[in-house]
Amino acid sequence: MFEQQYNDEMEAEVKRLEAQQRAVATGHPEWTNACAACGCELPSVDTDMCDPCKLKR
């Protein structure tokens, strides 16, 4: 049980760090996340692309 909780926490931390790196790469270190395709600000770290960019794929 502890192992699963640890894995979940580490996965969440990895998502947060990847989202922060995308924001920094677009020139906005104050954002928590940015779209990997167009660079717009995203409201959460749960996704890496905005809806319009997802539809283009």
C-alpha atoms as a PDB file:
ATOM      1  CA  MET A   1       0.000   0.000   0.000  1.00  0.00           C
ATOM      2  CA  PHE A   2       2.786   2.418   0.883  1.00  0.00           C
ATOM      3  CA  GLU A   3       4.557   1.584  -2.371  1.00  0.00           C
ATOM      4  CA  GLN A   4       1.483   2.486  -4.450  1.00  0.00           C
ATOM      5  CA  GLN A   5       1.054   5.789  -2.615  1.00  0.00           C
ATOM      6  CA  TYR A   6       4.728   6.574  -3.165  1.00  0.00           C
ATOM      7  CA  ASN A   7       4.445   5.751  -6.870  1.00  0.00           C
ATOM      8  CA  ASP A   8       1.369   7.962  -7.220  1.00  0.00           C
ATOM      9  CA  GLU A   9       3.122  10.848  -5.488  1.00  0.00           C
ATOM     10  CA  MET A  10       6.216  10.483  -7.663  1.00  0.00           C
ATOM     11  CA  GLU A  11       4.105  10.352 -10.829  1.00  0.00           C
ATOM     12  CA  ALA A  12       2.326  13.545  -9.775  1.00  0.00           C
ATOM     13  CA  GLU A  13       5.662  15.222  -9.058  1.00  0.00           C
ATOM     14  CA  VAL A  14       7.045  14.214 -12.464  1.00  0.00           C
ATOM     15  CA  LYS A  15       3.948  15.669 -14.170  1.00  0.00           C
ATOM     16  CA  ARG A  16       4.349  18.897 -12.198  1.00  0.00           C
ATOM     17  CA  LEU A  17       8.024  19.219 -13.106  1.00  0.00           C
ATOM     18  CA  GLU A  18       7.405  18.484 -16.796  1.00  0.00           C
ATOM     19  CA  ALA A  19       4.620  21.079 -16.845  1.00  0.00           C
ATOM     20  CA  GLN A  20       6.893  23.641 -15.191  1.00  0.00           C
ATOM     21  CA  GLN A  21       9.625  22.935 -17.757  1.00  0.00           C
ATOM     22  CA  ARG A  22       7.164  23.541 -20.621  1.00  0.00           C
ATOM     23  CA  ALA A  23       6.187  26.870 -19.042  1.00  0.00           C
ATOM     24  CA  VAL A  24       9.830  27.892 -18.615  1.00  0.00           C
ATOM     25  CA  ALA A  25      10.587  26.871 -22.209  1.00  0.00           C
ATOM     26  CA  THR A  26       7.890  29.255 -23.474  1.00  0.00           C
ATOM     27  CA  GLY A  27       9.425  32.100 -21.479  1.00  0.00           C
ATOM     28  CA  HIS A  28       6.879  32.117 -18.646  1.00  0.00           C
ATOM     29  CA  PRO A  29       8.454  30.633 -15.512  1.00  0.00           C
ATOM     30  CA  GLU A  30       5.592  32.062 -13.444  1.00  0.00           C
ATOM     31  CA  TRP A  31       3.071  29.733 -15.147  1.00  0.00           C
ATOM     32  CA  THR A  32       2.438  26.244 -13.819  1.00  0.00           C
ATOM     33  CA  ASN A  33       1.982  24.707 -17.283  1.00  0.00           C
ATOM     34  CA  ALA A  34       2.118  25.529 -20.995  1.00  0.00           C
ATOM     35  CA  CYS A  35       0.885  23.765 -24.117  1.00  0.00           C
ATOM     36  CA  ALA A  36       3.609  21.665 -25.715  1.00  0.00           C
ATOM     37  CA  ALA A  37       2.428  22.643 -29.211  1.00  0.00           C
ATOM     38  CA  CYS A  38       1.484  26.334 -29.148  1.00  0.00           C
ATOM     39  CA  GLY A  39       2.831  27.512 -25.782  1.00  0.00           C
ATOM     40  CA  CYS A  40      -0.382  28.941 -24.359  1.00  0.00           C
ATOM     41  CA  GLU A  41      -0.945  28.812 -20.606  1.00  0.00           C
ATOM     42  CA  LEU A  42      -2.741  25.734 -19.277  1.00  0.00           C
ATOM     43  CA  PRO A  43      -4.732  25.819 -16.039  1.00  0.00           C
ATOM     44  CA  SER A  44      -3.534  22.477 -14.653  1.00  0.00           C
ATOM     45  CA  VAL A  45      -0.648  20.036 -14.932  1.00  0.00           C
ATOM     46  CA  ASP A  46      -2.927  17.142 -15.924  1.00  0.00           C
ATOM     47  CA  THR A  47      -2.468  17.712 -19.646  1.00  0.00           C
ATOM     48  CA  ASP A  48       0.356  18.725 -21.947  1.00  0.00           C
ATOM     49  CA  MET A  49      -1.699  20.289 -24.760  1.00  0.00           C
ATOM     50  CA  CYS A  50      -4.634  22.673 -25.032  1.00  0.00           C
ATOM     51  CA  ASP A  51      -7.892  21.451 -26.578  1.00  0.00           C
ATOM     52  CA  PRO A  52      -7.425  23.224 -29.950  1.00  0.00           C
ATOM     53  CA  CYS A  53      -3.981  21.654 -30.377  1.00  0.00           C
ATOM     54  CA  LYS A  54      -5.317  18.227 -29.403  1.00  0.00           C
ATOM     55  CA  LEU A  55      -7.965  18.520 -32.121  1.00  0.00           C
ATOM     56  CA  LYS A  56      -5.334  19.378 -34.750  1.00  0.00           C
ATOM     57  CA  ARG A  57      -3.523  16.097 -34.155  1.00  0.00           C
END
